[in-house]
Structures are given as C-alpha cells and as structure tokens.
Amino acid sequence: MPPSLRPLSESTWAWIPDREGYGWSNCGLVVSDDQALLVDTQFTLAATRELLAAITSTAPGATISTVVNSHQNGDHTWGNQLLPDAEIITSTASAAHLCHEMNPTQLTELCRADPSTPVVAYAAEHFGAFDFSGIQVRAADRTFIGREEVKVGTTLVELIDLGAGHSEGDVAVHVPEEGVLFAGDAVFSGMHTVVWSGSLSEAVASCQAILDTGATVIVPGHGPVLGRAGVREFLDHLVDVADTAAACATAGIPLEEAARRVKAKHAGDWAHPERLFTSTAAAYQDAGVEGVPQGTFALVEGMAALAA
C-alpha cells in the first residue's frame, strides 16, 4: 500500500509509509476548524513534501500552525524547515538531547566511509539510500515539562512528557475526546525498539503511561497502528527482555554474550532483532553495571556486531 493519510477519528489521521524500518516513520495529523497540528515530520525534504501534499489534499484550507516533535531523531524532525510559519514544540528533555544527535552531514559521511568496518556497513545498509541534501536542522521553538494542553480549533490535544525511554525525552500526543494517541518511538509495531536513553525500565514506564491515558487507538513511531492489546504486548516484551538481561547481569555475564542470549530468546519474528543489543545495554545500565556503552555511535557498533 502506498504511503497515505489514514483516518483514525473525526479529527485525526496517521501518515503511514509504504515500508518499515529505519527512516520510514509515522506522523500524525489533527485538524479542526481549518487549524492543524502535525506530529513529527519526515527524514528527508522529499518525503516531507510528499506528506505535506497529502495533507493539502486531505484537509484543503487547513493551516498547520503547530508541529510537535515526539523526539529528536532525524527521521521525525529533519523536515521541520518546510514549515517555517509553524511553532515547533517538544519536551525540554527532548530539546536538550538534540546536541547528542548526528546531523545530516555526519550521517551522510558515515554512510560513505570505509565499509569494511561493521558500524559503517550497518549504517550504509540502513541509511545509505536516503538523500539528506538541503536539510537544515530546525530545533523546537518552545518546550514544556510534564503536560501541556493545546487547542486545535475546537479539539483539545494533550502533550505528554514521557521522560526518558526510547530517547532522552519522548513526547506523546493525546486527543482524549477521540481516544487517539500518537506515541512516537515510545512504541514500535512489528519491530524491536532502540533504547537510546540507557534505561529499559524508563522505556517500560513510558509504555505504561501511554496505556494509563485510556487511549484505544495508538499510532507507533514505526509500523502499523495498534490498539491497547498491541501496546500491552510491546510492554510485556520489554519486561521479558529486562528480566532476561537482568539475570545475565546478576550472573556477571559480559554484555555482548548477554545480548546474544537475549536475541536468541526474544527475537521472535519482529524486524531488527539486533536492536536488542540496546535493550540489553539499557538493562545492564539499570542494574548498575559499569562500562556499559553509551551514545549513538557505541550503540550502533553493538547493534552492528550483533547483526553480524
């Protein structure tokens, strides 16, 4: 199915790309009385233009006055510049995390570096086909802590600061009157998560906070739209991974071997099982193990090694 805006409720739509994996992210749209709020942009300018064209076709006359970035990964923010008149909002923790992100030039250079190293080969495989030319990273105009309400026409939208989880500061966008929630990468569907924050317990807590809203339609950052049962399955999977990894940490098993054991036990049929390295590392950090790799490059190295 080609990428499209799929209606979820009277005021909400989800942008679902036609493929899954790194870089192909979901977005959300809330429209009421010719006002619009967009949840995240796309990885490239071309993909963002395709999204904006679909919005114009679906909601002609609607003005996007607000963009909420669920977190700072480029596949959710690098199209921000194409909405110069919109106010961009994210959490304070998310905004602070921007300084740790690779920029478009750095990611392009990494993908073009010597492919003989596992991390470069992994980056080139998953990101090498994207064209990042022309991108100027645009940061948030306004941040918040805790919760904040935004009115889109007559529709109330609640922004929820989930704290650390997938990233250092994830944001969920909840439309309470319609039971719809855009989760960003706090939730993945049909694929394993990446835990950049260094805390698997916080990733679990983020999922529980999403369920606690009572939302019945949850749009993950990647993959098909979920109901509450799908989010519960994702949360339970994180708990199972945490339990296995914690047992390995208690037994003094080296992280790399623990990640192999976690992958063997919990990979299932979800995509990108090598990402379980990041979950295992986060569980080791929660357990107080010293010397756990941190930061984007170190975690990508771990994923690349586990994939190999």
Protein backbone atom coordinates (compact mmCIF):
# COMPACT_ATOMS: atom_id res chain seq x y z
CA MET A 1 0.00 0.00 0.00
CA PRO A 2 1.46 3.42 -0.92
CA PRO A 3 2.09 5.96 1.84
CA SER A 4 -1.12 7.72 2.77
CA LEU A 5 -3.01 9.66 5.40
CA ARG A 6 -5.35 7.18 7.04
CA PRO A 7 -8.34 8.48 9.01
CA LEU A 8 -8.46 7.43 12.65
CA SER A 9 -11.31 9.55 14.04
CA GLU A 10 -13.27 12.68 13.23
CA SER A 11 -10.26 14.96 13.70
CA THR A 12 -7.21 12.69 13.36
CA TRP A 13 -5.19 10.94 10.67
CA ALA A 14 -2.00 8.88 10.62
CA TRP A 15 0.65 9.09 7.91
CA ILE A 16 1.87 5.53 7.37
CA PRO A 17 4.79 4.99 4.94
CA ASP A 18 4.76 2.12 2.47
CA ARG A 19 7.73 0.39 4.10
CA GLU A 20 9.08 -0.24 7.56
CA GLY A 21 12.44 0.06 9.25
CA TYR A 22 14.97 2.78 9.90
CA GLY A 23 13.99 6.15 8.47
CA TRP A 24 10.40 5.30 7.49
CA SER A 25 8.43 6.89 10.30
CA ASN A 26 4.78 7.52 11.01
CA CYS A 27 3.34 11.00 11.53
CA GLY A 28 0.08 12.26 12.99
CA LEU A 29 -2.37 14.96 11.98
CA VAL A 30 -5.09 16.71 13.99
CA VAL A 31 -7.44 19.05 12.08
CA SER A 32 -10.30 21.13 13.45
CA ASP A 33 -11.89 24.33 12.09
CA ASP A 34 -9.19 24.77 9.44
CA GLN A 35 -6.44 24.60 12.06
CA ALA A 36 -3.97 21.72 12.04
CA LEU A 37 -1.35 20.20 14.33
CA LEU A 38 1.26 17.89 12.82
CA VAL A 39 3.02 15.25 14.90
CA ASP A 40 6.57 14.90 13.51
CA THR A 41 7.96 15.44 10.03
CA GLN A 42 9.96 13.07 7.85
CA PHE A 43 13.60 12.05 7.38
CA THR A 44 14.14 13.88 4.10
CA LEU A 45 12.78 17.01 2.45
CA ALA A 46 11.31 14.95 -0.40
CA ALA A 47 9.42 12.67 1.99
CA THR A 48 8.16 15.66 3.98
CA ARG A 49 6.93 17.36 0.82
CA GLU A 50 5.01 14.18 -0.03
CA LEU A 51 3.44 14.26 3.44
CA LEU A 52 2.50 17.93 3.15
CA ALA A 53 0.96 17.39 -0.28
CA ALA A 54 -1.21 14.62 1.17
CA ILE A 55 -2.30 16.94 3.98
CA THR A 56 -3.26 19.64 1.47
CA SER A 57 -5.31 17.10 -0.46
CA THR A 58 -6.97 15.61 2.63
CA ALA A 59 -7.61 18.85 4.51
CA PRO A 60 -7.68 21.68 1.95
CA GLY A 61 -7.65 25.07 3.59
CA ALA A 62 -6.23 23.79 6.87
CA THR A 63 -3.21 25.69 8.18
CA ILE A 64 -0.53 23.77 10.09
CA SER A 65 0.16 26.18 12.93
CA THR A 66 1.83 23.69 15.29
CA VAL A 67 4.31 20.85 14.89
CA VAL A 68 5.01 18.58 17.86
CA ASN A 69 8.27 16.64 17.67
CA SER A 70 7.98 13.41 19.61
CA HIS A 71 11.79 13.31 19.98
CA GLN A 72 14.91 14.49 18.18
CA ASN A 73 15.82 11.60 15.87
CA GLY A 74 16.20 12.88 12.32
CA ASP A 75 13.52 10.63 10.87
CA HIS A 76 10.98 12.57 12.96
CA THR A 77 12.39 16.10 12.63
CA TRP A 78 14.50 16.74 9.54
CA GLY A 79 11.54 18.06 7.58
CA ASN A 80 10.83 20.80 10.14
CA GLN A 81 12.29 23.52 7.95
CA LEU A 82 9.47 23.12 5.41
CA LEU A 83 7.01 24.55 7.95
CA PRO A 84 8.62 27.93 8.66
CA ASP A 85 5.42 29.53 9.94
CA ALA A 86 4.51 26.76 12.37
CA GLU A 87 5.52 26.73 16.03
CA ILE A 88 7.54 23.63 16.86
CA ILE A 89 7.03 22.19 20.34
CA THR A 90 8.78 19.36 22.16
CA SER A 91 9.69 18.49 25.73
CA THR A 92 12.54 20.26 27.49
CA ALA A 93 14.43 16.97 27.80
CA SER A 94 13.93 16.21 24.11
CA ALA A 95 15.24 19.63 23.08
CA ALA A 96 18.33 19.18 25.26
CA HIS A 97 19.03 15.84 23.59
CA LEU A 98 19.45 17.46 20.16
CA CYS A 99 23.12 18.13 20.85
CA HIS A 100 23.75 14.35 21.01
CA GLU A 101 22.21 13.63 17.60
CA MET A 102 24.16 13.09 14.40
CA ASN A 103 23.38 15.82 11.88
CA PRO A 104 22.62 15.13 8.19
CA THR A 105 26.20 15.80 7.09
CA GLN A 106 27.65 13.47 9.72
CA LEU A 107 25.24 10.67 8.84
CA THR A 108 25.97 11.06 5.13
CA GLU A 109 29.72 10.93 5.77
CA LEU A 110 29.33 7.85 7.96
CA CYS A 111 27.41 6.02 5.24
CA ARG A 112 30.14 6.87 2.70
CA ALA A 113 33.08 5.90 4.91
CA ASP A 114 35.13 2.70 4.64
CA PRO A 115 32.51 -0.10 4.53
CA SER A 116 34.98 -2.66 5.88
CA THR A 117 34.02 -1.75 9.45
CA PRO A 118 30.78 -3.29 10.80
CA VAL A 119 29.33 0.01 12.01
CA VAL A 120 29.82 1.74 8.65
CA ALA A 121 28.40 -1.25 6.78
CA TYR A 122 25.38 -1.25 9.10
CA ALA A 123 24.82 2.49 8.67
CA ALA A 124 25.17 2.27 4.90
CA GLU A 125 22.73 -0.63 4.72
CA HIS A 126 20.00 1.18 6.63
CA PHE A 127 20.61 4.85 5.82
CA GLY A 128 22.70 4.93 2.64
CA ALA A 129 19.74 5.22 0.27
CA PHE A 130 18.38 8.43 1.85
CA ASP A 131 19.16 11.83 0.33
CA PHE A 132 19.78 14.34 3.12
CA SER A 133 20.80 17.20 0.84
CA GLY A 134 19.39 20.62 1.63
CA ILE A 135 18.39 19.79 5.19
CA GLN A 136 18.90 22.49 7.80
CA VAL A 137 18.10 21.11 11.23
CA ARG A 138 15.44 23.27 12.88
CA ALA A 139 15.12 22.98 16.64
CA ALA A 140 11.98 23.49 18.71
CA ASP A 141 10.62 26.99 19.29
CA ARG A 142 9.02 26.11 22.61
CA THR A 143 9.46 23.37 25.20
CA PHE A 144 7.47 22.08 28.14
CA ILE A 145 7.80 19.83 31.17
CA GLY A 146 5.08 17.45 32.36
CA ARG A 147 1.86 18.05 30.44
CA GLU A 148 0.54 20.82 28.28
CA GLU A 149 -2.77 21.35 26.52
CA VAL A 150 -3.11 22.79 23.02
CA LYS A 151 -6.35 23.68 21.29
CA VAL A 152 -6.60 22.86 17.59
CA GLY A 153 -9.80 24.58 16.56
CA THR A 154 -12.32 23.08 18.95
CA THR A 155 -10.30 19.90 19.56
CA LEU A 156 -8.29 19.54 22.75
CA VAL A 157 -4.84 17.99 22.36
CA GLU A 158 -2.75 16.93 25.35
CA LEU A 159 1.04 16.82 25.08
CA ILE A 160 2.60 14.33 27.49
CA ASP A 161 6.25 14.49 28.51
CA LEU A 162 7.04 10.79 28.92
CA GLY A 163 10.61 11.43 30.05
CA ALA A 164 13.45 9.11 29.06
CA GLY A 165 12.65 5.87 27.27
CA HIS A 166 13.40 5.41 23.60
CA SER A 167 15.24 8.74 23.71
CA GLU A 168 16.24 11.11 26.49
CA GLY A 169 12.87 12.86 26.27
CA ASP A 170 9.89 11.30 24.47
CA VAL A 171 6.59 13.09 23.88
CA ALA A 172 3.17 11.53 23.30
CA VAL A 173 0.33 13.47 21.68
CA HIS A 174 -3.11 12.53 23.01
CA VAL A 175 -6.51 13.51 21.64
CA PRO A 176 -8.56 12.44 24.66
CA GLU A 177 -12.05 13.12 23.27
CA GLU A 178 -11.38 10.74 20.39
CA GLY A 179 -9.25 8.10 22.14
CA VAL A 180 -6.30 8.59 19.80
CA LEU A 181 -2.66 8.83 20.86
CA PHE A 182 0.46 9.38 18.76
CA ALA A 183 3.27 7.64 20.64
CA GLY A 184 6.35 8.46 18.61
CA ASP A 185 9.09 5.89 19.16
CA ALA A 186 8.00 5.15 22.71
CA VAL A 187 6.15 2.32 20.94
CA PHE A 188 7.14 0.27 17.88
CA SER A 189 4.86 -2.08 15.95
CA GLY A 190 6.17 -5.26 14.35
CA MET A 191 9.80 -4.45 15.10
CA HIS A 192 12.16 -4.22 18.04
CA THR A 193 12.77 -0.88 19.69
CA VAL A 194 16.01 1.04 20.04
CA VAL A 195 16.73 2.29 23.56
CA TRP A 196 18.97 5.33 23.17
CA SER A 197 18.25 6.66 26.68
CA GLY A 198 20.17 3.99 28.57
CA SER A 199 17.23 2.89 30.72
CA LEU A 200 14.99 -0.03 29.81
CA SER A 201 12.93 0.49 32.96
CA GLU A 202 12.08 4.01 31.78
CA ALA A 203 11.06 2.65 28.37
CA VAL A 204 8.66 0.30 30.17
CA ALA A 205 7.32 3.19 32.25
CA SER A 206 6.66 5.22 29.08
CA CYS A 207 4.52 2.42 27.65
CA GLN A 208 2.56 2.19 30.90
CA ALA A 209 1.99 5.95 30.88
CA ILE A 210 0.54 5.62 27.38
CA LEU A 211 -1.83 2.86 28.47
CA ASP A 212 -2.81 4.92 31.51
CA THR A 213 -4.27 7.61 29.23
CA GLY A 214 -7.03 5.20 28.24
CA ALA A 215 -6.40 5.78 24.53
CA THR A 216 -7.77 3.00 22.32
CA VAL A 217 -6.01 3.87 19.05
CA ILE A 218 -2.23 4.21 19.36
CA VAL A 219 -0.02 5.25 16.46
CA PRO A 220 3.55 3.99 17.00
CA GLY A 221 6.59 5.75 15.61
CA HIS A 222 7.04 2.93 13.10
CA GLY A 223 4.78 0.16 11.89
CA PRO A 224 1.02 -0.45 11.80
CA VAL A 225 -1.46 1.32 14.08
CA LEU A 226 -2.13 -0.53 17.34
CA GLY A 227 -4.91 -0.99 19.84
CA ARG A 228 -4.38 -1.29 23.57
CA ALA A 229 -3.60 -5.02 23.29
CA GLY A 230 -0.76 -4.30 20.88
CA VAL A 231 0.81 -1.78 23.24
CA ARG A 232 0.42 -4.21 26.13
CA GLU A 233 2.20 -6.89 24.06
CA PHE A 234 5.04 -4.45 23.33
CA LEU A 235 5.30 -3.51 27.02
CA ASP A 236 5.28 -7.16 28.14
CA HIS A 237 8.03 -7.90 25.64
CA LEU A 238 10.18 -5.13 27.14
CA VAL A 239 9.60 -6.56 30.62
CA ASP A 240 10.59 -10.06 29.46
CA VAL A 241 13.77 -8.71 27.85
CA ALA A 242 14.55 -6.75 31.01
CA ASP A 243 14.15 -9.86 33.17
CA THR A 244 16.44 -11.96 30.97
CA ALA A 245 19.07 -9.23 30.74
CA ALA A 246 18.95 -8.53 34.48
CA ALA A 247 19.54 -12.22 35.21
CA CYS A 248 22.58 -12.13 32.92
CA ALA A 249 23.87 -9.02 34.67
CA THR A 250 23.46 -10.65 38.08
CA ALA A 251 25.37 -13.70 36.85
CA GLY A 252 28.23 -11.49 35.66
CA ILE A 253 27.82 -12.43 32.01
CA PRO A 254 29.59 -9.96 29.67
CA LEU A 255 27.23 -7.61 27.85
CA GLU A 256 27.98 -8.91 24.36
CA GLU A 257 27.21 -12.50 25.39
CA ALA A 258 24.11 -11.37 27.25
CA ALA A 259 22.87 -9.60 24.11
CA ARG A 260 23.34 -12.81 22.11
CA ARG A 261 21.32 -14.72 24.71
CA VAL A 262 18.59 -12.09 24.76
CA LYS A 263 18.41 -12.15 20.96
CA ALA A 264 18.19 -15.94 20.87
CA LYS A 265 15.35 -15.94 23.38
CA HIS A 266 13.36 -12.85 22.42
CA ALA A 267 13.97 -12.09 18.71
CA GLY A 268 10.74 -13.75 17.59
CA ASP A 269 9.51 -12.63 14.19
CA TRP A 270 9.83 -8.88 14.78
CA ALA A 271 12.16 -6.95 12.49
CA HIS A 272 15.62 -5.74 13.55
CA PRO A 273 16.42 -8.19 16.38
CA GLU A 274 19.94 -6.73 16.52
CA ARG A 275 18.37 -3.73 18.28
CA LEU A 276 18.05 -5.98 21.32
CA PHE A 277 21.66 -5.01 22.00
CA THR A 278 20.43 -1.56 23.03
CA SER A 279 17.74 -3.01 25.29
CA THR A 280 20.28 -5.34 26.92
CA ALA A 281 22.73 -2.47 27.40
CA ALA A 282 19.97 -0.35 28.94
CA ALA A 283 19.04 -3.16 31.32
CA TYR A 284 22.71 -3.52 32.30
CA GLN A 285 22.85 0.20 32.98
CA ASP A 286 19.69 -0.05 35.10
CA ALA A 287 21.44 -2.84 37.04
CA GLY A 288 24.41 -0.59 37.76
CA VAL A 289 26.92 -2.50 35.63
CA GLU A 290 29.96 -0.33 34.91
CA GLY A 291 31.39 0.34 31.47
CA VAL A 292 28.13 -0.09 29.52
CA PRO A 293 28.39 1.53 26.06
CA GLN A 294 26.51 4.82 25.80
CA GLY A 295 25.88 7.24 22.97
CA THR A 296 24.68 6.76 19.42
CA PHE A 297 27.90 5.52 17.84
CA ALA A 298 28.71 3.00 20.58
CA LEU A 299 25.19 1.55 20.49
CA VAL A 300 25.23 1.31 16.70
CA GLU A 301 28.53 -0.57 16.98
CA GLY A 302 26.84 -3.03 19.35
CA MET A 303 23.88 -3.49 17.03
CA ALA A 304 26.15 -4.00 14.04
CA ALA A 305 28.14 -6.65 15.89
CA LEU A 306 25.00 -8.47 17.00
CA ALA A 307 23.59 -8.35 13.47
CA ALA A 308 26.80 -9.90 12.17
